Amino acid sequence: MAVQDTAQQDAVGAQAVVAAAKDPARRPDVLFRVRRAPDHEPSPWWHIGAFVVTSAAVVALLSFIPG
């Protein structure tokens, strides 16, 4: 019973946070979430470019490991 009561209290607490938030996209329990207009979405190419740059950096750093 205690586990179920704790789960219900957590759910009530989370609902209170959401209900008290003026802008749900800027809730204090959510990081990096930004509400954007439909025509101001980031291009998928940014994610592809970040993946390529990160992969190249990992390969370059691993090339310094002998063996």
N, C-alpha and C. Protein backbone atom coordinates (compact mmCIF):
# COMPACT_ATOMS: atom_id res chain seq x y z
N MET A 1 0.81 -1.19 0.00
CA MET A 1 0.00 0.00 0.00
C MET A 1 0.86 1.26 0.00
N ALA A 2 1.97 1.23 0.71
CA ALA A 2 2.80 2.43 0.82
C ALA A 2 3.38 2.82 -0.53
N VAL A 3 3.74 1.83 -1.34
CA VAL A 3 4.30 2.13 -2.66
C VAL A 3 3.24 2.78 -3.54
N GLN A 4 2.03 2.27 -3.47
CA GLN A 4 0.96 2.84 -4.28
C GLN A 4 0.64 4.27 -3.82
N ASP A 5 0.63 4.52 -2.52
CA ASP A 5 0.38 5.86 -2.01
C ASP A 5 1.45 6.83 -2.46
N THR A 6 2.70 6.39 -2.45
CA THR A 6 3.81 7.24 -2.90
C THR A 6 3.67 7.56 -4.38
N ALA A 7 3.30 6.57 -5.18
CA ALA A 7 3.12 6.80 -6.61
C ALA A 7 1.99 7.79 -6.86
N GLN A 8 0.92 7.69 -6.09
CA GLN A 8 -0.19 8.63 -6.26
C GLN A 8 0.24 10.04 -5.85
N GLN A 9 1.04 10.15 -4.80
CA GLN A 9 1.51 11.47 -4.37
C GLN A 9 2.43 12.07 -5.42
N ASP A 10 3.29 11.25 -6.04
CA ASP A 10 4.17 11.74 -7.09
C ASP A 10 3.37 12.24 -8.28
N ALA A 11 2.32 11.49 -8.65
CA ALA A 11 1.49 11.90 -9.77
C ALA A 11 0.78 13.21 -9.47
N VAL A 12 0.29 13.35 -8.25
CA VAL A 12 -0.38 14.60 -7.86
C VAL A 12 0.62 15.75 -7.88
N GLY A 13 1.84 15.52 -7.41
CA GLY A 13 2.86 16.56 -7.42
C GLY A 13 3.23 16.98 -8.83
N ALA A 14 3.35 16.03 -9.73
CA ALA A 14 3.68 16.35 -11.13
C ALA A 14 2.55 17.13 -11.77
N GLN A 15 1.31 16.75 -11.48
CA GLN A 15 0.17 17.47 -12.04
C GLN A 15 0.12 18.89 -11.49
N ALA A 16 0.51 19.07 -10.24
CA ALA A 16 0.53 20.41 -9.66
C ALA A 16 1.58 21.29 -10.33
N VAL A 17 2.73 20.70 -10.65
CA VAL A 17 3.77 21.46 -11.35
C VAL A 17 3.29 21.90 -12.72
N VAL A 18 2.64 20.97 -13.43
CA VAL A 18 2.14 21.29 -14.77
C VAL A 18 1.03 22.33 -14.68
N ALA A 19 0.14 22.19 -13.71
CA ALA A 19 -0.98 23.12 -13.58
C ALA A 19 -0.49 24.52 -13.19
N ALA A 20 0.56 24.60 -12.39
CA ALA A 20 1.07 25.89 -11.93
C ALA A 20 1.92 26.60 -12.97
N ALA A 21 2.39 25.87 -13.97
CA ALA A 21 3.27 26.46 -14.98
C ALA A 21 2.47 27.38 -15.89
N LYS A 22 3.01 28.54 -16.14
CA LYS A 22 2.34 29.47 -17.06
C LYS A 22 2.54 29.04 -18.50
N ASP A 23 3.73 28.62 -18.83
CA ASP A 23 4.04 28.12 -20.17
C ASP A 23 4.58 26.71 -20.00
N PRO A 24 3.82 25.67 -20.39
CA PRO A 24 4.28 24.29 -20.17
C PRO A 24 5.61 23.98 -20.84
N ALA A 25 5.97 24.72 -21.90
CA ALA A 25 7.24 24.47 -22.57
C ALA A 25 8.41 24.95 -21.73
N ARG A 26 8.17 25.78 -20.74
CA ARG A 26 9.24 26.32 -19.90
C ARG A 26 9.09 25.88 -18.45
N ARG A 27 8.53 24.70 -18.23
CA ARG A 27 8.40 24.18 -16.89
C ARG A 27 9.78 23.96 -16.29
N PRO A 28 9.93 24.11 -14.98
CA PRO A 28 11.25 23.96 -14.36
C PRO A 28 11.74 22.51 -14.35
N ASP A 29 10.85 21.54 -14.56
CA ASP A 29 11.27 20.15 -14.54
C ASP A 29 11.58 19.61 -15.94
N VAL A 30 11.57 20.47 -16.95
CA VAL A 30 11.85 20.04 -18.31
C VAL A 30 13.01 20.88 -18.84
N LEU A 31 14.09 20.23 -19.23
CA LEU A 31 15.25 20.94 -19.73
C LEU A 31 15.25 20.97 -21.26
N PHE A 32 15.73 22.05 -21.82
CA PHE A 32 15.97 22.19 -23.26
C PHE A 32 14.71 22.11 -24.10
N ARG A 33 13.53 22.33 -23.52
CA ARG A 33 12.31 22.30 -24.33
C ARG A 33 11.90 23.73 -24.62
N VAL A 34 11.77 24.06 -25.89
CA VAL A 34 11.40 25.41 -26.30
C VAL A 34 10.25 25.30 -27.28
N ARG A 35 9.23 26.09 -27.06
CA ARG A 35 8.11 26.11 -27.99
C ARG A 35 8.44 27.08 -29.12
N ARG A 36 8.37 26.59 -30.34
CA ARG A 36 8.67 27.40 -31.51
C ARG A 36 7.46 27.45 -32.43
N ALA A 37 7.41 28.49 -33.21
CA ALA A 37 6.35 28.60 -34.21
C ALA A 37 6.56 27.52 -35.28
N PRO A 38 5.50 27.09 -35.93
CA PRO A 38 5.64 26.01 -36.93
C PRO A 38 6.63 26.33 -38.06
N ASP A 39 6.81 27.59 -38.40
CA ASP A 39 7.73 27.93 -39.49
C ASP A 39 9.14 28.24 -39.01
N HIS A 40 9.42 28.08 -37.71
CA HIS A 40 10.75 28.35 -37.16
C HIS A 40 11.38 27.11 -36.55
N GLU A 41 11.11 25.97 -37.11
CA GLU A 41 11.69 24.73 -36.61
C GLU A 41 13.12 24.59 -37.13
N PRO A 42 14.00 23.98 -36.35
CA PRO A 42 15.38 23.80 -36.82
C PRO A 42 15.44 22.80 -37.97
N SER A 43 16.37 23.02 -38.84
CA SER A 43 16.54 22.13 -39.99
C SER A 43 17.12 20.80 -39.55
N PRO A 44 16.67 19.69 -40.15
CA PRO A 44 17.27 18.39 -39.82
C PRO A 44 18.76 18.31 -40.17
N TRP A 45 19.22 19.17 -41.04
CA TRP A 45 20.64 19.16 -41.43
C TRP A 45 21.54 19.54 -40.27
N TRP A 46 21.03 20.31 -39.28
CA TRP A 46 21.83 20.63 -38.11
C TRP A 46 22.18 19.36 -37.33
N HIS A 47 21.21 18.46 -37.21
CA HIS A 47 21.45 17.21 -36.50
C HIS A 47 22.41 16.30 -37.28
N ILE A 48 22.25 16.27 -38.58
CA ILE A 48 23.14 15.46 -39.41
C ILE A 48 24.56 16.00 -39.33
N GLY A 49 24.70 17.32 -39.42
CA GLY A 49 26.02 17.94 -39.33
C GLY A 49 26.67 17.72 -37.98
N ALA A 50 25.88 17.81 -36.91
CA ALA A 50 26.43 17.57 -35.57
C ALA A 50 26.90 16.13 -35.43
N PHE A 51 26.16 15.19 -36.00
CA PHE A 51 26.57 13.79 -35.95
C PHE A 51 27.88 13.58 -36.71
N VAL A 52 28.01 14.18 -37.88
CA VAL A 52 29.22 14.02 -38.69
C VAL A 52 30.43 14.64 -37.97
N VAL A 53 30.25 15.82 -37.41
CA VAL A 53 31.36 16.49 -36.72
C VAL A 53 31.77 15.70 -35.48
N THR A 54 30.79 15.22 -34.72
CA THR A 54 31.11 14.44 -33.52
C THR A 54 31.81 13.13 -33.89
N SER A 55 31.33 12.47 -34.93
CA SER A 55 31.97 11.23 -35.37
C SER A 55 33.40 11.47 -35.83
N ALA A 56 33.61 12.55 -36.56
CA ALA A 56 34.97 12.87 -37.02
C ALA A 56 35.88 13.18 -35.83
N ALA A 57 35.36 13.87 -34.82
CA ALA A 57 36.16 14.18 -33.64
C ALA A 57 36.53 12.91 -32.88
N VAL A 58 35.59 11.98 -32.76
CA VAL A 58 35.88 10.72 -32.07
C VAL A 58 36.93 9.92 -32.83
N VAL A 59 36.80 9.83 -34.14
CA VAL A 59 37.79 9.09 -34.94
C VAL A 59 39.15 9.76 -34.83
N ALA A 60 39.20 11.09 -34.87
CA ALA A 60 40.48 11.80 -34.77
C ALA A 60 41.11 11.55 -33.40
N LEU A 61 40.32 11.60 -32.35
CA LEU A 61 40.90 11.35 -31.01
C LEU A 61 41.34 9.89 -30.85
N LEU A 62 40.60 8.97 -31.41
CA LEU A 62 40.98 7.56 -31.30
C LEU A 62 42.24 7.25 -32.12
N SER A 63 42.54 8.08 -33.12
CA SER A 63 43.74 7.83 -33.91
C SER A 63 45.01 8.07 -33.10
N PHE A 64 44.90 8.80 -32.00
CA PHE A 64 46.07 9.06 -31.15
C PHE A 64 46.38 7.88 -30.21
N ILE A 65 45.44 6.93 -30.10
CA ILE A 65 45.68 5.77 -29.24
C ILE A 65 46.50 4.75 -30.01
N PRO A 66 47.67 4.39 -29.51
CA PRO A 66 48.50 3.43 -30.25
C PRO A 66 47.93 2.01 -30.17
N GLY A 67 48.21 1.26 -31.17
CA GLY A 67 47.81 -0.15 -31.12
C GLY A 67 47.06 -0.51 -32.30
